[in-house]
């Protein structure tokens, strides 16, 4: 009971990115659904697409900005052998550490309660890197950028600098610098702009092997499908977050 209460207190503690992920399902054994305030950003739908493209069994991974651990715990549940987790929010890092112990995965997790240092990351190597919706916060949560143009340059240089660290990467990027809708990274805010920007900017370092695009089905459910002529255009009805493609990258 004491551990369950501590998990509950940690999860419900408000901060900049609190309640940003749904809970890994097994954690509801300690955290009653009616006592946690989660806001889904389509974690399960994104995970389903990622796992349809990448076999995580016996793979090591690094989750940069792991938040409260949904993706990391899901990869371990899918057979990954070890996760290296970075989380600059110490409350979230403490939650993930305690939750990992309760789930029996303490030996498979290394949790670092610090922001990932993109300038000196080359000493560690993993099979898979998760970098989901982090880099558009350049100049805010990490590093410095004077304007959106410099932010775009730094995002590309950061991605390219990560090739020594991982064989593959799952990447997502927001359309707005620092999450501010008044500071767009791309003039029209379209998926095509983002895809062209990445394809050109990382082509010497990473190969894009798949691009997942969110689509709303009959009945309102969301599913990520491969990029095609029918889903390439921006769909304003989905909102900004669901217009962000999922990029599966392979190191060249």
C-alpha atoms as a PDB file:
ATOM      1  CA  UNK A   1       0.000   0.000   0.000  1.00  0.00           C
ATOM      2  CA  UNK A   2       2.853   2.370   0.817  1.00  0.00           C
ATOM      3  CA  UNK A   3       4.439   1.831  -2.622  1.00  0.00           C
ATOM      4  CA  UNK A   4       1.091   2.243  -4.387  1.00  0.00           C
ATOM      5  CA  UNK A   5       0.500   5.551  -2.625  1.00  0.00           C
ATOM      6  CA  UNK A   6       3.969   6.779  -3.517  1.00  0.00           C
ATOM      7  CA  UNK A   7       3.418   5.874  -7.181  1.00  0.00           C
ATOM      8  CA  UNK A   8       0.087   7.671  -7.103  1.00  0.00           C
ATOM      9  CA  UNK A   9       1.581  10.777  -5.514  1.00  0.00           C
ATOM     10  CA  UNK A  10       4.426  10.874  -8.018  1.00  0.00           C
ATOM     11  CA  UNK A  11       2.189  10.393 -11.023  1.00  0.00           C
ATOM     12  CA  UNK A  12      -0.307  13.047  -9.963  1.00  0.00           C
ATOM     13  CA  UNK A  13       2.333  15.618  -9.069  1.00  0.00           C
ATOM     14  CA  UNK A  14       1.847  18.434 -11.573  1.00  0.00           C
ATOM     15  CA  UNK A  15       4.674  19.794 -13.690  1.00  0.00           C
ATOM     16  CA  UNK A  16       5.359  21.011 -17.218  1.00  0.00           C
ATOM     17  CA  UNK A  17       4.885  17.606 -18.877  1.00  0.00           C
ATOM     18  CA  UNK A  18       2.826  15.832 -16.222  1.00  0.00           C
ATOM     19  CA  UNK A  19       0.078  13.382 -17.240  1.00  0.00           C
ATOM     20  CA  UNK A  20       1.566  13.490 -20.729  1.00  0.00           C
ATOM     21  CA  UNK A  21       1.281   9.727 -21.292  1.00  0.00           C
ATOM     22  CA  UNK A  22      -1.216   7.050 -20.479  1.00  0.00           C
ATOM     23  CA  UNK A  23      -0.066   4.456 -17.995  1.00  0.00           C
ATOM     24  CA  UNK A  24       1.478   1.160 -18.986  1.00  0.00           C
ATOM     25  CA  UNK A  25      -1.539  -1.152 -18.398  1.00  0.00           C
ATOM     26  CA  UNK A  26       0.029  -3.401 -15.750  1.00  0.00           C
ATOM     27  CA  UNK A  27       0.520  -0.379 -13.489  1.00  0.00           C
ATOM     28  CA  UNK A  28      -3.215  -0.135 -12.886  1.00  0.00           C
ATOM     29  CA  UNK A  29      -2.686  -2.934 -10.376  1.00  0.00           C
ATOM     30  CA  UNK A  30      -1.251  -0.234  -8.098  1.00  0.00           C
ATOM     31  CA  UNK A  31      -2.852   2.885  -9.519  1.00  0.00           C
ATOM     32  CA  UNK A  32      -6.662   2.796  -9.617  1.00  0.00           C
ATOM     33  CA  UNK A  33      -8.012   4.260 -12.846  1.00  0.00           C
ATOM     34  CA  UNK A  34     -10.319   6.630 -11.009  1.00  0.00           C
ATOM     35  CA  UNK A  35      -7.394   8.173  -9.114  1.00  0.00           C
ATOM     36  CA  UNK A  36      -5.032   9.006 -11.977  1.00  0.00           C
ATOM     37  CA  UNK A  37      -5.495  11.809 -14.446  1.00  0.00           C
ATOM     38  CA  UNK A  38      -4.059  10.709 -17.791  1.00  0.00           C
ATOM     39  CA  UNK A  39      -4.239  12.439 -21.162  1.00  0.00           C
ATOM     40  CA  UNK A  40      -3.746  10.119 -24.107  1.00  0.00           C
ATOM     41  CA  UNK A  41      -1.581  11.197 -26.994  1.00  0.00           C
ATOM     42  CA  UNK A  42      -2.347   8.015 -28.856  1.00  0.00           C
ATOM     43  CA  UNK A  43       0.467   6.063 -27.249  1.00  0.00           C
ATOM     44  CA  UNK A  44      -1.021   2.655 -28.021  1.00  0.00           C
ATOM     45  CA  UNK A  45      -1.703   3.569 -31.646  1.00  0.00           C
ATOM     46  CA  UNK A  46       1.842   4.858 -32.076  1.00  0.00           C
ATOM     47  CA  UNK A  47       3.272   1.819 -30.335  1.00  0.00           C
ATOM     48  CA  UNK A  48       1.306  -0.526 -32.602  1.00  0.00           C
ATOM     49  CA  UNK A  49       2.855   1.121 -35.651  1.00  0.00           C
ATOM     50  CA  UNK A  50       6.372   1.063 -34.182  1.00  0.00           C
ATOM     51  CA  UNK A  51       6.137  -2.631 -33.294  1.00  0.00           C
ATOM     52  CA  UNK A  52       4.806  -3.427 -36.772  1.00  0.00           C
ATOM     53  CA  UNK A  53       8.102  -2.109 -38.167  1.00  0.00           C
ATOM     54  CA  UNK A  54      10.676  -3.071 -35.549  1.00  0.00           C
ATOM     55  CA  UNK A  55      11.295  -6.387 -33.787  1.00  0.00           C
ATOM     56  CA  UNK A  56      12.393  -5.343 -30.299  1.00  0.00           C
ATOM     57  CA  UNK A  57      13.065  -8.831 -28.964  1.00  0.00           C
ATOM     58  CA  UNK A  58      16.517  -9.044 -27.335  1.00  0.00           C
ATOM     59  CA  UNK A  59      17.233  -5.451 -28.341  1.00  0.00           C
ATOM     60  CA  UNK A  60      18.670  -2.706 -26.163  1.00  0.00           C
ATOM     61  CA  UNK A  61      17.093   0.711 -26.409  1.00  0.00           C
ATOM     62  CA  UNK A  62      17.397   4.259 -25.164  1.00  0.00           C
ATOM     63  CA  UNK A  63      14.283   6.346 -24.517  1.00  0.00           C
ATOM     64  CA  UNK A  64      15.160  10.052 -24.477  1.00  0.00           C
ATOM     65  CA  UNK A  65      12.506  11.932 -22.534  1.00  0.00           C
ATOM     66  CA  UNK A  66      10.788   8.784 -21.309  1.00  0.00           C
ATOM     67  CA  UNK A  67       8.189  10.708 -19.287  1.00  0.00           C
ATOM     68  CA  UNK A  68       6.315   8.117 -17.156  1.00  0.00           C
ATOM     69  CA  UNK A  69       7.569   5.137 -19.123  1.00  0.00           C
ATOM     70  CA  UNK A  70       4.740   3.919 -21.349  1.00  0.00           C
ATOM     71  CA  UNK A  71       6.948   3.214 -24.363  1.00  0.00           C
ATOM     72  CA  UNK A  72       9.880   1.882 -22.361  1.00  0.00           C
ATOM     73  CA  UNK A  73       7.759  -0.537 -20.354  1.00  0.00           C
ATOM     74  CA  UNK A  74       5.966  -1.603 -23.534  1.00  0.00           C
ATOM     75  CA  UNK A  75       9.261  -2.433 -25.246  1.00  0.00           C
ATOM     76  CA  UNK A  76      10.390  -4.471 -22.252  1.00  0.00           C
ATOM     77  CA  UNK A  77       7.056  -6.237 -22.292  1.00  0.00           C
ATOM     78  CA  UNK A  78       7.684  -6.973 -25.975  1.00  0.00           C
ATOM     79  CA  UNK A  79      10.966  -8.713 -25.211  1.00  0.00           C
ATOM     80  CA  UNK A  80      13.580  -5.949 -25.238  1.00  0.00           C
ATOM     81  CA  UNK A  81      16.555  -6.881 -23.093  1.00  0.00           C
ATOM     82  CA  UNK A  82      17.470  -3.512 -21.572  1.00  0.00           C
ATOM     83  CA  UNK A  83      16.328   0.089 -21.527  1.00  0.00           C
ATOM     84  CA  UNK A  84      18.412   3.189 -20.860  1.00  0.00           C
ATOM     85  CA  UNK A  85      15.996   5.965 -19.912  1.00  0.00           C
ATOM     86  CA  UNK A  86      16.667   9.697 -19.707  1.00  0.00           C
ATOM     87  CA  UNK A  87      14.154  11.967 -18.014  1.00  0.00           C
ATOM     88  CA  UNK A  88      14.979  15.493 -16.890  1.00  0.00           C
ATOM     89  CA  UNK A  89      11.857  15.730 -14.760  1.00  0.00           C
ATOM     90  CA  UNK A  90      13.031  14.109 -11.542  1.00  0.00           C
ATOM     91  CA  UNK A  91       9.517  13.307 -10.392  1.00  0.00           C
ATOM     92  CA  UNK A  92       8.922  11.316 -13.575  1.00  0.00           C
ATOM     93  CA  UNK A  93      12.316   9.638 -13.278  1.00  0.00           C
ATOM     94  CA  UNK A  94      11.512   8.580  -9.717  1.00  0.00           C
ATOM     95  CA  UNK A  95       8.111   7.280 -10.848  1.00  0.00           C
ATOM     96  CA  UNK A  96       9.653   5.207 -13.649  1.00  0.00           C
ATOM     97  CA  UNK A  97      12.305   3.783 -11.334  1.00  0.00           C
ATOM     98  CA  UNK A  98       9.751   2.732  -8.711  1.00  0.00           C
ATOM     99  CA  UNK A  99       7.288   1.462 -11.320  1.00  0.00           C
ATOM    100  CA  UNK A 100      10.032  -0.610 -12.951  1.00  0.00           C
ATOM    101  CA  UNK A 101      10.808  -2.215  -9.607  1.00  0.00           C
ATOM    102  CA  UNK A 102       7.143  -3.059  -9.057  1.00  0.00           C
ATOM    103  CA  UNK A 103       6.905  -4.585 -12.527  1.00  0.00           C
ATOM    104  CA  UNK A 104       9.966  -6.755 -11.866  1.00  0.00           C
ATOM    105  CA  UNK A 105      12.176  -5.030 -14.427  1.00  0.00           C
ATOM    106  CA  UNK A 106      14.638  -3.208 -12.176  1.00  0.00           C
ATOM    107  CA  UNK A 107      17.592  -5.131 -13.621  1.00  0.00           C
ATOM    108  CA  UNK A 108      16.504  -4.322 -17.167  1.00  0.00           C
ATOM    109  CA  UNK A 109      16.269  -0.582 -16.594  1.00  0.00           C
ATOM    110  CA  UNK A 110      18.822   2.157 -16.148  1.00  0.00           C
ATOM    111  CA  UNK A 111      17.046   5.424 -15.340  1.00  0.00           C
ATOM    112  CA  UNK A 112      18.955   8.696 -15.392  1.00  0.00           C
ATOM    113  CA  UNK A 113      17.187  11.672 -13.875  1.00  0.00           C
ATOM    114  CA  UNK A 114      18.745  14.228 -16.166  1.00  0.00           C
ATOM    115  CA  UNK A 115      18.174  15.748 -19.558  1.00  0.00           C
ATOM    116  CA  UNK A 116      20.017  13.889 -22.276  1.00  0.00           C
ATOM    117  CA  UNK A 117      23.240  15.630 -23.280  1.00  0.00           C
ATOM    118  CA  UNK A 118      23.140  15.680 -27.068  1.00  0.00           C
ATOM    119  CA  UNK A 119      26.647  17.148 -27.185  1.00  0.00           C
ATOM    120  CA  UNK A 120      28.409  14.189 -25.527  1.00  0.00           C
ATOM    121  CA  UNK A 121      26.319  11.113 -26.177  1.00  0.00           C
ATOM    122  CA  UNK A 122      28.682   9.001 -28.224  1.00  0.00           C
ATOM    123  CA  UNK A 123      30.047   6.737 -25.500  1.00  0.00           C
ATOM    124  CA  UNK A 124      26.902   4.603 -25.305  1.00  0.00           C
ATOM    125  CA  UNK A 125      25.483   2.349 -27.996  1.00  0.00           C
ATOM    126  CA  UNK A 126      22.036   0.761 -28.207  1.00  0.00           C
ATOM    127  CA  UNK A 127      20.142  -1.121 -30.880  1.00  0.00           C
ATOM    128  CA  UNK A 128      17.226   1.309 -30.910  1.00  0.00           C
ATOM    129  CA  UNK A 129      16.771   4.952 -29.980  1.00  0.00           C
ATOM    130  CA  UNK A 130      13.378   6.460 -29.143  1.00  0.00           C
ATOM    131  CA  UNK A 131      13.304  10.205 -29.717  1.00  0.00           C
ATOM    132  CA  UNK A 132       9.656  11.131 -29.625  1.00  0.00           C
ATOM    133  CA  UNK A 133       8.571  14.774 -29.685  1.00  0.00           C
ATOM    134  CA  UNK A 134      11.670  16.165 -28.007  1.00  0.00           C
ATOM    135  CA  UNK A 135      13.810  18.041 -30.517  1.00  0.00           C
ATOM    136  CA  UNK A 136      11.371  20.858 -31.280  1.00  0.00           C
ATOM    137  CA  UNK A 137      12.002  21.971 -27.669  1.00  0.00           C
ATOM    138  CA  UNK A 138      15.547  23.080 -28.585  1.00  0.00           C
ATOM    139  CA  UNK A 139      16.178  26.416 -26.923  1.00  0.00           C
ATOM    140  CA  UNK A 140      13.648  25.572 -24.236  1.00  0.00           C
ATOM    141  CA  UNK A 141      14.328  22.225 -22.527  1.00  0.00           C
ATOM    142  CA  UNK A 142      17.848  21.860 -23.941  1.00  0.00           C
ATOM    143  CA  UNK A 143      20.552  23.736 -25.867  1.00  0.00           C
ATOM    144  CA  UNK A 144      20.042  27.211 -27.345  1.00  0.00           C
ATOM    145  CA  UNK A 145      18.396  28.541 -30.488  1.00  0.00           C
ATOM    146  CA  UNK A 146      17.852  32.166 -31.424  1.00  0.00           C
ATOM    147  CA  UNK A 147      14.937  31.556 -33.758  1.00  0.00           C
ATOM    148  CA  UNK A 148      13.034  28.862 -35.646  1.00  0.00           C
ATOM    149  CA  UNK A 149      15.534  28.833 -38.513  1.00  0.00           C
ATOM    150  CA  UNK A 150      18.389  28.072 -36.127  1.00  0.00           C
ATOM    151  CA  UNK A 151      16.204  25.502 -34.370  1.00  0.00           C
ATOM    152  CA  UNK A 152      15.677  23.676 -37.688  1.00  0.00           C
ATOM    153  CA  UNK A 153      19.432  23.575 -38.267  1.00  0.00           C
ATOM    154  CA  UNK A 154      20.131  22.317 -34.765  1.00  0.00           C
ATOM    155  CA  UNK A 155      17.475  19.595 -35.028  1.00  0.00           C
ATOM    156  CA  UNK A 156      19.157  18.201 -38.136  1.00  0.00           C
ATOM    157  CA  UNK A 157      22.669  18.431 -36.701  1.00  0.00           C
ATOM    158  CA  UNK A 158      21.479  16.714 -33.534  1.00  0.00           C
ATOM    159  CA  UNK A 159      19.870  13.864 -35.460  1.00  0.00           C
ATOM    160  CA  UNK A 160      22.975  13.374 -37.569  1.00  0.00           C
ATOM    161  CA  UNK A 161      25.236  13.396 -34.520  1.00  0.00           C
ATOM    162  CA  UNK A 162      23.342  10.440 -33.035  1.00  0.00           C
ATOM    163  CA  UNK A 163      24.385   7.873 -35.643  1.00  0.00           C
ATOM    164  CA  UNK A 164      27.246   6.477 -33.500  1.00  0.00           C
ATOM    165  CA  UNK A 165      24.762   5.765 -30.727  1.00  0.00           C
ATOM    166  CA  UNK A 166      22.118   3.585 -32.372  1.00  0.00           C
ATOM    167  CA  UNK A 167      21.475   1.293 -35.310  1.00  0.00           C
ATOM    168  CA  UNK A 168      17.873   2.480 -35.653  1.00  0.00           C
ATOM    169  CA  UNK A 169      15.692   5.300 -34.405  1.00  0.00           C
ATOM    170  CA  UNK A 170      12.017   6.055 -33.960  1.00  0.00           C
ATOM    171  CA  UNK A 171      11.556   9.790 -34.343  1.00  0.00           C
ATOM    172  CA  UNK A 172       8.742  12.295 -34.032  1.00  0.00           C
ATOM    173  CA  UNK A 173       8.881  16.071 -34.244  1.00  0.00           C
ATOM    174  CA  UNK A 174       6.361  18.790 -33.481  1.00  0.00           C
ATOM    175  CA  UNK A 175       5.469  21.448 -36.026  1.00  0.00           C
ATOM    176  CA  UNK A 176       5.986  24.363 -33.643  1.00  0.00           C
ATOM    177  CA  UNK A 177       9.240  25.514 -32.113  1.00  0.00           C
ATOM    178  CA  UNK A 178       9.120  25.042 -28.320  1.00  0.00           C
ATOM    179  CA  UNK A 179       5.475  23.982 -28.732  1.00  0.00           C
ATOM    180  CA  UNK A 180       4.452  27.578 -29.436  1.00  0.00           C
ATOM    181  CA  UNK A 181       1.909  27.775 -32.280  1.00  0.00           C
ATOM    182  CA  UNK A 182       3.104  31.299 -32.973  1.00  0.00           C
ATOM    183  CA  UNK A 183       6.573  29.934 -33.834  1.00  0.00           C
ATOM    184  CA  UNK A 184       6.061  27.441 -36.668  1.00  0.00           C
ATOM    185  CA  UNK A 185       9.055  25.398 -37.818  1.00  0.00           C
ATOM    186  CA  UNK A 186       7.592  25.087 -41.304  1.00  0.00           C
ATOM    187  CA  UNK A 187       5.865  27.908 -43.132  1.00  0.00           C
ATOM    188  CA  UNK A 188       2.743  25.938 -44.096  1.00  0.00           C
ATOM    189  CA  UNK A 189       2.787  23.395 -41.289  1.00  0.00           C
ATOM    190  CA  UNK A 190       2.380  20.406 -43.603  1.00  0.00           C
ATOM    191  CA  UNK A 191       3.558  16.835 -43.361  1.00  0.00           C
ATOM    192  CA  UNK A 192       5.138  17.126 -46.807  1.00  0.00           C
ATOM    193  CA  UNK A 193       7.324  20.016 -45.601  1.00  0.00           C
ATOM    194  CA  UNK A 194       8.527  18.061 -42.585  1.00  0.00           C
ATOM    195  CA  UNK A 195       9.194  14.931 -44.629  1.00  0.00           C
ATOM    196  CA  UNK A 196      11.191  16.835 -47.274  1.00  0.00           C
ATOM    197  CA  UNK A 197      13.118  18.699 -44.574  1.00  0.00           C
ATOM    198  CA  UNK A 198      14.148  15.476 -42.829  1.00  0.00           C
ATOM    199  CA  UNK A 199      14.759  13.439 -45.968  1.00  0.00           C
ATOM    200  CA  UNK A 200      17.169  16.047 -47.311  1.00  0.00           C
ATOM    201  CA  UNK A 201      18.781  16.971 -44.007  1.00  0.00           C
ATOM    202  CA  UNK A 202      19.641  13.482 -42.736  1.00  0.00           C
ATOM    203  CA  UNK A 203      20.214  11.576 -45.982  1.00  0.00           C
ATOM    204  CA  UNK A 204      23.949  11.190 -45.454  1.00  0.00           C
ATOM    205  CA  UNK A 205      23.462   9.681 -42.001  1.00  0.00           C
ATOM    206  CA  UNK A 206      20.047   8.011 -41.759  1.00  0.00           C
ATOM    207  CA  UNK A 207      17.787   6.151 -44.146  1.00  0.00           C
ATOM    208  CA  UNK A 208      14.048   6.649 -43.680  1.00  0.00           C
ATOM    209  CA  UNK A 209      12.649   3.106 -43.884  1.00  0.00           C
ATOM    210  CA  UNK A 210       9.021   3.890 -43.011  1.00  0.00           C
ATOM    211  CA  UNK A 211       6.769   6.842 -42.253  1.00  0.00           C
ATOM    212  CA  UNK A 212       3.623   6.329 -40.192  1.00  0.00           C
ATOM    213  CA  UNK A 213       0.678   8.652 -40.702  1.00  0.00           C
ATOM    214  CA  UNK A 214      -2.340   8.896 -38.393  1.00  0.00           C
ATOM    215  CA  UNK A 215      -5.766   8.354 -39.926  1.00  0.00           C
ATOM    216  CA  UNK A 216      -9.154   8.424 -38.253  1.00  0.00           C
ATOM    217  CA  UNK A 217     -11.335   5.432 -39.055  1.00  0.00           C
ATOM    218  CA  UNK A 218     -15.080   5.038 -39.045  1.00  0.00           C
ATOM    219  CA  UNK A 219     -16.240   5.111 -35.448  1.00  0.00           C
ATOM    220  CA  UNK A 220     -13.525   7.576 -34.484  1.00  0.00           C
ATOM    221  CA  UNK A 221     -10.624   5.199 -33.858  1.00  0.00           C
ATOM    222  CA  UNK A 222      -7.137   6.279 -34.905  1.00  0.00           C
ATOM    223  CA  UNK A 223      -4.640   4.070 -36.678  1.00  0.00           C
ATOM    224  CA  UNK A 224      -1.201   4.785 -38.110  1.00  0.00           C
ATOM    225  CA  UNK A 225      -0.685   3.597 -41.676  1.00  0.00           C
ATOM    226  CA  UNK A 226       2.276   3.881 -44.021  1.00  0.00           C
ATOM    227  CA  UNK A 227       2.548   7.157 -45.907  1.00  0.00           C
ATOM    228  CA  UNK A 228       0.573   7.075 -49.138  1.00  0.00           C
ATOM    229  CA  UNK A 229      -1.059   9.476 -51.591  1.00  0.00           C
ATOM    230  CA  UNK A 230      -4.296   9.382 -49.628  1.00  0.00           C
ATOM    231  CA  UNK A 231      -2.900  10.412 -46.228  1.00  0.00           C
ATOM    232  CA  UNK A 232       0.026  12.674 -47.152  1.00  0.00           C
ATOM    233  CA  UNK A 233      -1.907  15.927 -46.918  1.00  0.00           C
ATOM    234  CA  UNK A 234      -2.385  17.740 -43.624  1.00  0.00           C
ATOM    235  CA  UNK A 235      -5.693  16.854 -41.970  1.00  0.00           C
ATOM    236  CA  UNK A 236      -6.663  19.794 -39.771  1.00  0.00           C
ATOM    237  CA  UNK A 237      -9.527  17.795 -38.283  1.00  0.00           C
ATOM    238  CA  UNK A 238      -6.967  15.593 -36.538  1.00  0.00           C
ATOM    239  CA  UNK A 239      -5.208  18.437 -34.731  1.00  0.00           C
ATOM    240  CA  UNK A 240      -1.495  19.227 -34.648  1.00  0.00           C
ATOM    241  CA  UNK A 241      -0.305  16.191 -32.686  1.00  0.00           C
ATOM    242  CA  UNK A 242      -1.860  13.566 -34.949  1.00  0.00           C
ATOM    243  CA  UNK A 243      -0.433  15.294 -37.994  1.00  0.00           C
ATOM    244  CA  UNK A 244       3.088  14.535 -36.743  1.00  0.00           C
ATOM    245  CA  UNK A 245       4.479  11.603 -38.756  1.00  0.00           C
ATOM    246  CA  UNK A 246       6.339   8.729 -37.120  1.00  0.00           C
ATOM    247  CA  UNK A 247       9.705   8.224 -38.806  1.00  0.00           C
ATOM    248  CA  UNK A 248      11.494   4.880 -38.660  1.00  0.00           C
ATOM    249  CA  UNK A 249      15.176   5.493 -39.357  1.00  0.00           C
ATOM    250  CA  UNK A 250      18.072   3.142 -40.036  1.00  0.00           C
ATOM    251  CA  UNK A 251      21.684   4.200 -39.693  1.00  0.00           C
ATOM    252  CA  UNK A 252      23.587   4.308 -42.959  1.00  0.00           C
END
